[in-house]
Structures are given as structure tokens and as C-alpha cells.
Amino acid sequence: MIHFAYPWAFGLLILYWVCERRCAPPLPHLRLSNMEFLRRASGGLGSRERWLRWAIVLAMVLALANPVTERKETLHNSEGHSIALLLDASFSMREDRRFETAKRVLADFIRRRPDDRMALEVFGDRARLAAPMSYEKKGLLTILEHLKPGVAGGRDTALYEALFQGAKLFEKEPAKNRVMILLTDGIDTVGSVPLEAAIPTIEGGGDPGLYRGGGG
């Protein structure tokens, strides 16, 4: 459905119509011996110019009125879950196209869950939030599509830091509907967050389901 944010702008068309008739400067009178010949020679140019002016004014008024498109979506919040997607983006994920495979699996999963809120976190040398918790899937899929190994540093795997930061995404989410999905091909090699700190954070966040996918 389309509506205009500033419908009052169409009043300018009336103002222009009045001004076209009342505000035109007076032209000097010319006496010609053959007015019919002059009309044929001009080919009705004055009429075309008037319609062109009106078309320009109408386009400007439409832009000023700011047309807005509205789309209503019904989200079944009671049926959905809050899902944190943790994706390993270290350089080891380039082997055997593991990263591309993980992205393809995640993209398919995202499309199949229209009623869930999702967030995406990537990790390598450190954990970084790629997309906050939201129902909006198109932007999430676009971000996922453009991710490359090494986007968060690629020499190490900050797995426990990713778990620790991922659990924080559930702070404002219903405890009974929290899910964390982890896709990785290795183990923690950074040690920035000890496992003893990461596990209580996850359990304290509502005991999210944890799936560790990948080879290696």
C-alpha cells in the first residue's frame, strides 16, 4: 500500500495553476499581417511547452510529497525461537571449501525459519558480531553471503570467546526459546576466555541447545 508522507504538497499544484494565469508577465502586442501562417510555422510549440512544464511540476510535487510503501507482516512470536549462529571464519575453514559449505547450510536454515529471531557471530582470532538479533532475514542473508575466511582474523580460533559473546545475545530473549548453533572445524587455540568462564555463561543464559558442526 502506498501513501504520501506530506500530502499537503499537492496543494502546490493549485498554486501553480493560479500563478500560471495571474502571474505571467505582460507581453508586448505585435501586429502581424498573417497570424495563421505564424501558427502553422510554430506547430503548436506553446501547447507542448505547457504540458512539459506541468509534467516537470507534477514530478517535483510527487517527490516533495514523499510516497511511502507499507508492507504488513505477521510474526508468530509465540512459536519462534531466539537463535545465535556462531560461524568459524578462521583460515582453516578454507580447506575443502568448508566455509562455503557452512554458509550454504546456514543460508538454507535461515530461509526455513521465518518466525525466529536470529543473530550471526563470526570468529577467528577474535569473536565479532556480524548481525544483531532480529526477525529481518534478507539483511542477514546478504551479510552471510559476503563473509570471507579471515574477516575476524584467521590464524587462530577463539571458540570459547565466541561462546561467551554469543551467550550475551540472549540477555533480552525468552529463556525457554534460546538456541545456539556453532559451526567450526576445530578447537579453541586462543585462550582469551577460559572454558570455565564460557560454560557457566551459556548455562546461565537459559541452557541453549548447542550443536557443533564441522569436520576436523
C-alpha atoms as a PDB file:
ATOM      1  CA  MET A   1       0.000   0.000   0.000  1.00  0.00           C
ATOM      2  CA  ILE A   2       1.325   3.444  -0.965  1.00  0.00           C
ATOM      3  CA  HIS A   3       0.611   6.657   0.918  1.00  0.00           C
ATOM      4  CA  PHE A   4       2.248  10.091   0.984  1.00  0.00           C
ATOM      5  CA  ALA A   5       4.165  11.386   3.976  1.00  0.00           C
ATOM      6  CA  TYR A   6       3.423  15.031   3.041  1.00  0.00           C
ATOM      7  CA  PRO A   7       0.089  15.079   1.131  1.00  0.00           C
ATOM      8  CA  TRP A   8      -0.181  18.841   1.596  1.00  0.00           C
ATOM      9  CA  ALA A   9       2.421  19.178  -1.153  1.00  0.00           C
ATOM     10  CA  PHE A  10      -0.287  18.570  -3.778  1.00  0.00           C
ATOM     11  CA  GLY A  11      -1.706  21.978  -2.849  1.00  0.00           C
ATOM     12  CA  LEU A  12       1.237  23.435  -4.751  1.00  0.00           C
ATOM     13  CA  LEU A  13      -0.403  22.265  -7.988  1.00  0.00           C
ATOM     14  CA  ILE A  14      -3.346  24.600  -7.321  1.00  0.00           C
ATOM     15  CA  LEU A  15      -0.915  27.409  -6.514  1.00  0.00           C
ATOM     16  CA  TYR A  16       0.953  26.800  -9.760  1.00  0.00           C
ATOM     17  CA  TRP A  17      -2.316  26.717 -11.739  1.00  0.00           C
ATOM     18  CA  VAL A  18      -3.364  30.084 -10.285  1.00  0.00           C
ATOM     19  CA  CYS A  19       0.075  31.584 -10.790  1.00  0.00           C
ATOM     20  CA  GLU A  20       0.160  30.379 -14.399  1.00  0.00           C
ATOM     21  CA  ARG A  21      -2.896  32.500 -15.120  1.00  0.00           C
ATOM     22  CA  ARG A  22      -2.342  35.500 -12.861  1.00  0.00           C
ATOM     23  CA  CYS A  23       1.412  35.855 -12.526  1.00  0.00           C
ATOM     24  CA  ALA A  24       2.528  35.754 -16.168  1.00  0.00           C
ATOM     25  CA  PRO A  25       4.339  38.975 -17.173  1.00  0.00           C
ATOM     26  CA  PRO A  26       2.534  41.055 -19.824  1.00  0.00           C
ATOM     27  CA  LEU A  27       3.890  40.587 -23.336  1.00  0.00           C
ATOM     28  CA  PRO A  28       4.153  43.416 -25.874  1.00  0.00           C
ATOM     29  CA  HIS A  29       1.484  43.364 -28.581  1.00  0.00           C
ATOM     30  CA  LEU A  30       2.690  42.594 -32.061  1.00  0.00           C
ATOM     31  CA  ARG A  31       0.841  43.335 -35.263  1.00  0.00           C
ATOM     32  CA  LEU A  32       1.410  40.702 -37.946  1.00  0.00           C
ATOM     33  CA  SER A  33      -0.101  40.541 -41.369  1.00  0.00           C
ATOM     34  CA  ASN A  34      -0.557  36.741 -41.371  1.00  0.00           C
ATOM     35  CA  MET A  35      -1.286  35.158 -37.928  1.00  0.00           C
ATOM     36  CA  GLU A  36      -2.483  31.873 -39.472  1.00  0.00           C
ATOM     37  CA  PHE A  37       0.892  31.380 -41.159  1.00  0.00           C
ATOM     38  CA  LEU A  38       2.654  32.012 -37.831  1.00  0.00           C
ATOM     39  CA  ARG A  39       0.524  29.380 -36.042  1.00  0.00           C
ATOM     40  CA  ARG A  40       1.305  26.771 -38.697  1.00  0.00           C
ATOM     41  CA  ALA A  41       5.013  27.589 -38.574  1.00  0.00           C
ATOM     42  CA  SER A  42       5.196  27.252 -34.790  1.00  0.00           C
ATOM     43  CA  GLY A  43       3.468  23.840 -34.972  1.00  0.00           C
ATOM     44  CA  GLY A  44       1.721  24.273 -31.619  1.00  0.00           C
ATOM     45  CA  LEU A  45       5.011  24.541 -29.734  1.00  0.00           C
ATOM     46  CA  GLY A  46       3.438  26.660 -26.998  1.00  0.00           C
ATOM     47  CA  SER A  47       0.960  23.916 -26.078  1.00  0.00           C
ATOM     48  CA  ARG A  48       3.696  21.271 -25.870  1.00  0.00           C
ATOM     49  CA  GLU A  49       5.837  23.521 -23.699  1.00  0.00           C
ATOM     50  CA  ARG A  50       2.909  24.000 -21.305  1.00  0.00           C
ATOM     51  CA  TRP A  51       2.362  20.266 -20.916  1.00  0.00           C
ATOM     52  CA  LEU A  52       6.101  19.758 -20.416  1.00  0.00           C
ATOM     53  CA  ARG A  53       6.131  22.398 -17.660  1.00  0.00           C
ATOM     54  CA  TRP A  54       3.181  20.689 -15.959  1.00  0.00           C
ATOM     55  CA  ALA A  55       4.898  17.308 -16.168  1.00  0.00           C
ATOM     56  CA  ILE A  56       8.019  18.750 -14.503  1.00  0.00           C
ATOM     57  CA  VAL A  57       5.998  20.475 -11.785  1.00  0.00           C
ATOM     58  CA  LEU A  58       3.986  17.294 -11.127  1.00  0.00           C
ATOM     59  CA  ALA A  59       7.190  15.225 -10.802  1.00  0.00           C
ATOM     60  CA  MET A  60       8.626  17.750  -8.338  1.00  0.00           C
ATOM     61  CA  VAL A  61       5.412  17.763  -6.277  1.00  0.00           C
ATOM     62  CA  LEU A  62       5.317  13.958  -6.177  1.00  0.00           C
ATOM     63  CA  ALA A  63       8.893  13.871  -4.923  1.00  0.00           C
ATOM     64  CA  LEU A  64       8.105  16.515  -2.305  1.00  0.00           C
ATOM     65  CA  ALA A  65       5.039  14.542  -1.139  1.00  0.00           C
ATOM     66  CA  ASN A  66       7.393  11.620  -0.382  1.00  0.00           C
ATOM     67  CA  PRO A  67       5.474   8.469  -1.427  1.00  0.00           C
ATOM     68  CA  VAL A  68       5.967   5.634   1.086  1.00  0.00           C
ATOM     69  CA  THR A  69       5.242   1.937   0.587  1.00  0.00           C
ATOM     70  CA  GLU A  70       3.960  -0.013   3.582  1.00  0.00           C
ATOM     71  CA  ARG A  71       4.113  -3.769   3.991  1.00  0.00           C
ATOM     72  CA  LYS A  72       2.492  -5.603   6.879  1.00  0.00           C
ATOM     73  CA  GLU A  73       3.937  -8.870   8.160  1.00  0.00           C
ATOM     74  CA  THR A  74       2.555 -11.094  10.860  1.00  0.00           C
ATOM     75  CA  LEU A  75       5.203 -12.713  13.060  1.00  0.00           C
ATOM     76  CA  HIS A  76       4.201 -15.613  15.250  1.00  0.00           C
ATOM     77  CA  ASN A  77       6.392 -14.709  18.202  1.00  0.00           C
ATOM     78  CA  SER A  78       4.969 -17.428  20.439  1.00  0.00           C
ATOM     79  CA  GLU A  79       6.168 -20.118  18.032  1.00  0.00           C
ATOM     80  CA  GLY A  80       9.605 -18.713  17.272  1.00  0.00           C
ATOM     81  CA  HIS A  81      12.992 -19.112  18.897  1.00  0.00           C
ATOM     82  CA  SER A  82      15.938 -16.834  19.542  1.00  0.00           C
ATOM     83  CA  ILE A  83      18.848 -18.372  17.639  1.00  0.00           C
ATOM     84  CA  ALA A  84      22.508 -17.353  17.823  1.00  0.00           C
ATOM     85  CA  LEU A  85      24.522 -18.569  14.821  1.00  0.00           C
ATOM     86  CA  LEU A  86      28.269 -18.868  15.531  1.00  0.00           C
ATOM     87  CA  LEU A  87      30.376 -19.327  12.402  1.00  0.00           C
ATOM     88  CA  ASP A  88      34.087 -20.197  12.412  1.00  0.00           C
ATOM     89  CA  ALA A  89      35.819 -17.852   9.939  1.00  0.00           C
ATOM     90  CA  SER A  90      39.424 -18.910  10.586  1.00  0.00           C
ATOM     91  CA  PHE A  91      41.719 -19.751   7.664  1.00  0.00           C
ATOM     92  CA  SER A  92      41.419 -23.489   8.308  1.00  0.00           C
ATOM     93  CA  MET A  93      37.805 -23.263   7.113  1.00  0.00           C
ATOM     94  CA  ARG A  94      39.112 -22.619   3.577  1.00  0.00           C
ATOM     95  CA  GLU A  95      40.221 -26.237   3.282  1.00  0.00           C
ATOM     96  CA  ASP A  96      37.854 -28.446   1.280  1.00  0.00           C
ATOM     97  CA  ARG A  97      35.564 -25.399   0.919  1.00  0.00           C
ATOM     98  CA  ARG A  98      34.320 -25.878   4.476  1.00  0.00           C
ATOM     99  CA  PHE A  99      33.458 -22.206   4.862  1.00  0.00           C
ATOM    100  CA  GLU A 100      31.359 -22.100   1.683  1.00  0.00           C
ATOM    101  CA  THR A 101      29.611 -25.311   2.728  1.00  0.00           C
ATOM    102  CA  ALA A 102      28.851 -23.876   6.176  1.00  0.00           C
ATOM    103  CA  LYS A 103      27.486 -20.682   4.625  1.00  0.00           C
ATOM    104  CA  ARG A 104      25.246 -22.666   2.298  1.00  0.00           C
ATOM    105  CA  VAL A 105      23.894 -24.764   5.167  1.00  0.00           C
ATOM    106  CA  LEU A 106      23.263 -21.646   7.281  1.00  0.00           C
ATOM    107  CA  ALA A 107      21.534 -19.823   4.417  1.00  0.00           C
ATOM    108  CA  ASP A 108      19.174 -22.755   3.893  1.00  0.00           C
ATOM    109  CA  PHE A 109      18.491 -22.937   7.635  1.00  0.00           C
ATOM    110  CA  ILE A 110      17.743 -19.198   7.830  1.00  0.00           C
ATOM    111  CA  ARG A 111      15.242 -19.375   4.966  1.00  0.00           C
ATOM    112  CA  ARG A 112      13.428 -22.242   6.666  1.00  0.00           C
ATOM    113  CA  ARG A 113      12.922 -20.322   9.956  1.00  0.00           C
ATOM    114  CA  PRO A 114      10.801 -17.227   9.135  1.00  0.00           C
ATOM    115  CA  ASP A 115       9.329 -16.955  12.656  1.00  0.00           C
ATOM    116  CA  ASP A 116      12.635 -16.985  14.559  1.00  0.00           C
ATOM    117  CA  ARG A 117      14.824 -14.125  15.696  1.00  0.00           C
ATOM    118  CA  MET A 118      18.430 -14.696  14.660  1.00  0.00           C
ATOM    119  CA  ALA A 119      21.851 -13.206  15.245  1.00  0.00           C
ATOM    120  CA  LEU A 120      25.117 -14.026  13.471  1.00  0.00           C
ATOM    121  CA  GLU A 121      28.555 -14.014  15.051  1.00  0.00           C
ATOM    122  CA  VAL A 122      31.829 -14.847  13.292  1.00  0.00           C
ATOM    123  CA  PHE A 123      35.097 -15.722  14.982  1.00  0.00           C
ATOM    124  CA  GLY A 124      38.721 -16.284  14.145  1.00  0.00           C
ATOM    125  CA  ASP A 125      41.434 -14.583  16.188  1.00  0.00           C
ATOM    126  CA  ARG A 126      38.548 -12.879  17.982  1.00  0.00           C
ATOM    127  CA  ALA A 127      34.756 -13.005  18.036  1.00  0.00           C
ATOM    128  CA  ARG A 128      32.815 -10.320  16.182  1.00  0.00           C
ATOM    129  CA  LEU A 129      29.066  -9.691  15.882  1.00  0.00           C
ATOM    130  CA  ALA A 130      28.044  -9.669  12.218  1.00  0.00           C
ATOM    131  CA  ALA A 131      24.257  -9.211  12.655  1.00  0.00           C
ATOM    132  CA  PRO A 132      22.259  -8.482  15.844  1.00  0.00           C
ATOM    133  CA  MET A 133      19.213 -10.448  16.970  1.00  0.00           C
ATOM    134  CA  SER A 134      16.377  -9.659  14.553  1.00  0.00           C
ATOM    135  CA  TYR A 135      13.475 -11.083  12.546  1.00  0.00           C
ATOM    136  CA  GLU A 136      14.876  -9.460   9.385  1.00  0.00           C
ATOM    137  CA  LYS A 137      16.288 -12.285   7.247  1.00  0.00           C
ATOM    138  CA  LYS A 138      17.108 -10.556   3.962  1.00  0.00           C
ATOM    139  CA  GLY A 139      19.845  -8.423   5.513  1.00  0.00           C
ATOM    140  CA  LEU A 140      21.168 -11.401   7.451  1.00  0.00           C
ATOM    141  CA  LEU A 141      21.456 -13.459   4.261  1.00  0.00           C
ATOM    142  CA  THR A 142      23.212 -10.582   2.489  1.00  0.00           C
ATOM    143  CA  ILE A 143      25.781 -10.277   5.283  1.00  0.00           C
ATOM    144  CA  LEU A 144      26.323 -14.042   5.294  1.00  0.00           C
ATOM    145  CA  GLU A 145      26.817 -14.092   1.532  1.00  0.00           C
ATOM    146  CA  HIS A 146      29.684 -11.569   1.682  1.00  0.00           C
ATOM    147  CA  LEU A 147      31.598 -13.141   4.580  1.00  0.00           C
ATOM    148  CA  LYS A 148      35.085 -14.486   3.851  1.00  0.00           C
ATOM    149  CA  PRO A 149      37.556 -16.501   5.959  1.00  0.00           C
ATOM    150  CA  GLY A 150      39.753 -14.137   7.958  1.00  0.00           C
ATOM    151  CA  VAL A 151      37.079 -11.478   8.421  1.00  0.00           C
ATOM    152  CA  ALA A 152      37.728 -11.667  12.180  1.00  0.00           C
ATOM    153  CA  GLY A 153      41.375 -12.694  11.878  1.00  0.00           C
ATOM    154  CA  GLY A 154      42.173 -16.165  10.682  1.00  0.00           C
ATOM    155  CA  ARG A 155      45.283 -17.617  12.285  1.00  0.00           C
ATOM    156  CA  ASP A 156      43.602 -18.766  15.490  1.00  0.00           C
ATOM    157  CA  THR A 157      40.177 -19.963  16.648  1.00  0.00           C
ATOM    158  CA  ALA A 158      38.643 -18.006  19.523  1.00  0.00           C
ATOM    159  CA  LEU A 159      35.998 -20.646  20.136  1.00  0.00           C
ATOM    160  CA  TYR A 160      35.427 -20.040  23.852  1.00  0.00           C
ATOM    161  CA  GLU A 161      35.287 -16.283  23.329  1.00  0.00           C
ATOM    162  CA  ALA A 162      32.625 -16.858  20.653  1.00  0.00           C
ATOM    163  CA  LEU A 163      30.567 -18.940  23.087  1.00  0.00           C
ATOM    164  CA  PHE A 164      30.992 -16.303  25.789  1.00  0.00           C
ATOM    165  CA  GLN A 165      29.967 -13.420  23.496  1.00  0.00           C
ATOM    166  CA  GLY A 166      27.205 -15.454  21.857  1.00  0.00           C
ATOM    167  CA  ALA A 167      25.550 -16.109  25.218  1.00  0.00           C
ATOM    168  CA  LYS A 168      25.255 -12.343  25.746  1.00  0.00           C
ATOM    169  CA  LEU A 169      22.960 -12.156  22.722  1.00  0.00           C
ATOM    170  CA  PHE A 170      20.260 -13.881  24.785  1.00  0.00           C
ATOM    171  CA  GLU A 171      20.153 -11.310  27.595  1.00  0.00           C
ATOM    172  CA  LYS A 172      16.792  -9.879  26.428  1.00  0.00           C
ATOM    173  CA  GLU A 173      15.393 -13.078  24.902  1.00  0.00           C
ATOM    174  CA  PRO A 174      12.849 -15.512  26.445  1.00  0.00           C
ATOM    175  CA  ALA A 175      14.780 -18.142  28.381  1.00  0.00           C
ATOM    176  CA  LYS A 176      12.774 -21.134  27.149  1.00  0.00           C
ATOM    177  CA  ASN A 177      13.300 -20.405  23.425  1.00  0.00           C
ATOM    178  CA  ARG A 178      17.065 -19.857  23.233  1.00  0.00           C
ATOM    179  CA  VAL A 179      19.185 -21.863  20.802  1.00  0.00           C
ATOM    180  CA  MET A 180      22.876 -21.535  19.959  1.00  0.00           C
ATOM    181  CA  ILE A 181      24.287 -23.179  16.817  1.00  0.00           C
ATOM    182  CA  LEU A 182      28.056 -23.434  16.429  1.00  0.00           C
ATOM    183  CA  LEU A 183      29.763 -24.341  13.139  1.00  0.00           C
ATOM    184  CA  THR A 184      33.507 -24.950  13.445  1.00  0.00           C
ATOM    185  CA  ASP A 185      36.190 -27.367  12.286  1.00  0.00           C
ATOM    186  CA  GLY A 186      38.500 -27.105  15.265  1.00  0.00           C
ATOM    187  CA  ILE A 187      39.082 -26.285  18.912  1.00  0.00           C
ATOM    188  CA  ASP A 188      39.909 -23.131  20.834  1.00  0.00           C
ATOM    189  CA  THR A 189      43.509 -22.023  20.175  1.00  0.00           C
ATOM    190  CA  VAL A 190      43.434 -18.538  21.691  1.00  0.00           C
ATOM    191  CA  GLY A 191      42.662 -18.939  25.366  1.00  0.00           C
ATOM    192  CA  SER A 192      41.350 -15.387  25.738  1.00  0.00           C
ATOM    193  CA  VAL A 193      38.329 -16.758  27.616  1.00  0.00           C
ATOM    194  CA  PRO A 194      38.765 -19.946  29.687  1.00  0.00           C
ATOM    195  CA  LEU A 195      36.302 -22.746  29.212  1.00  0.00           C
ATOM    196  CA  GLU A 196      35.394 -22.472  32.898  1.00  0.00           C
ATOM    197  CA  ALA A 197      34.061 -18.953  32.194  1.00  0.00           C
ATOM    198  CA  ALA A 198      32.333 -19.726  28.896  1.00  0.00           C
ATOM    199  CA  ILE A 199      30.281 -22.709  30.078  1.00  0.00           C
ATOM    200  CA  PRO A 200      28.612 -21.001  33.084  1.00  0.00           C
ATOM    201  CA  THR A 201      27.712 -18.061  30.836  1.00  0.00           C
ATOM    202  CA  ILE A 202      25.926 -20.382  28.426  1.00  0.00           C
ATOM    203  CA  GLU A 203      24.148 -22.285  31.174  1.00  0.00           C
ATOM    204  CA  GLY A 204      23.165 -19.063  32.909  1.00  0.00           C
ATOM    205  CA  GLY A 205      21.716 -17.791  29.632  1.00  0.00           C
ATOM    206  CA  GLY A 206      18.905 -20.334  29.657  1.00  0.00           C
ATOM    207  CA  ASP A 207      20.735 -23.549  28.744  1.00  0.00           C
ATOM    208  CA  PRO A 208      20.672 -23.018  24.949  1.00  0.00           C
ATOM    209  CA  GLY A 209      20.939 -26.034  22.694  1.00  0.00           C
ATOM    210  CA  LEU A 210      24.459 -26.271  21.300  1.00  0.00           C
ATOM    211  CA  TYR A 211      25.378 -28.002  18.054  1.00  0.00           C
ATOM    212  CA  ARG A 212      28.993 -28.208  16.973  1.00  0.00           C
ATOM    213  CA  GLY A 213      29.163 -28.876  13.255  1.00  0.00           C
ATOM    214  CA  GLY A 214      32.161 -29.407  11.029  1.00  0.00           C
ATOM    215  CA  GLY A 215      34.940 -31.837  10.287  1.00  0.00           C
ATOM    216  CA  GLY A 216      38.315 -31.969  11.967  1.00  0.00           C
END
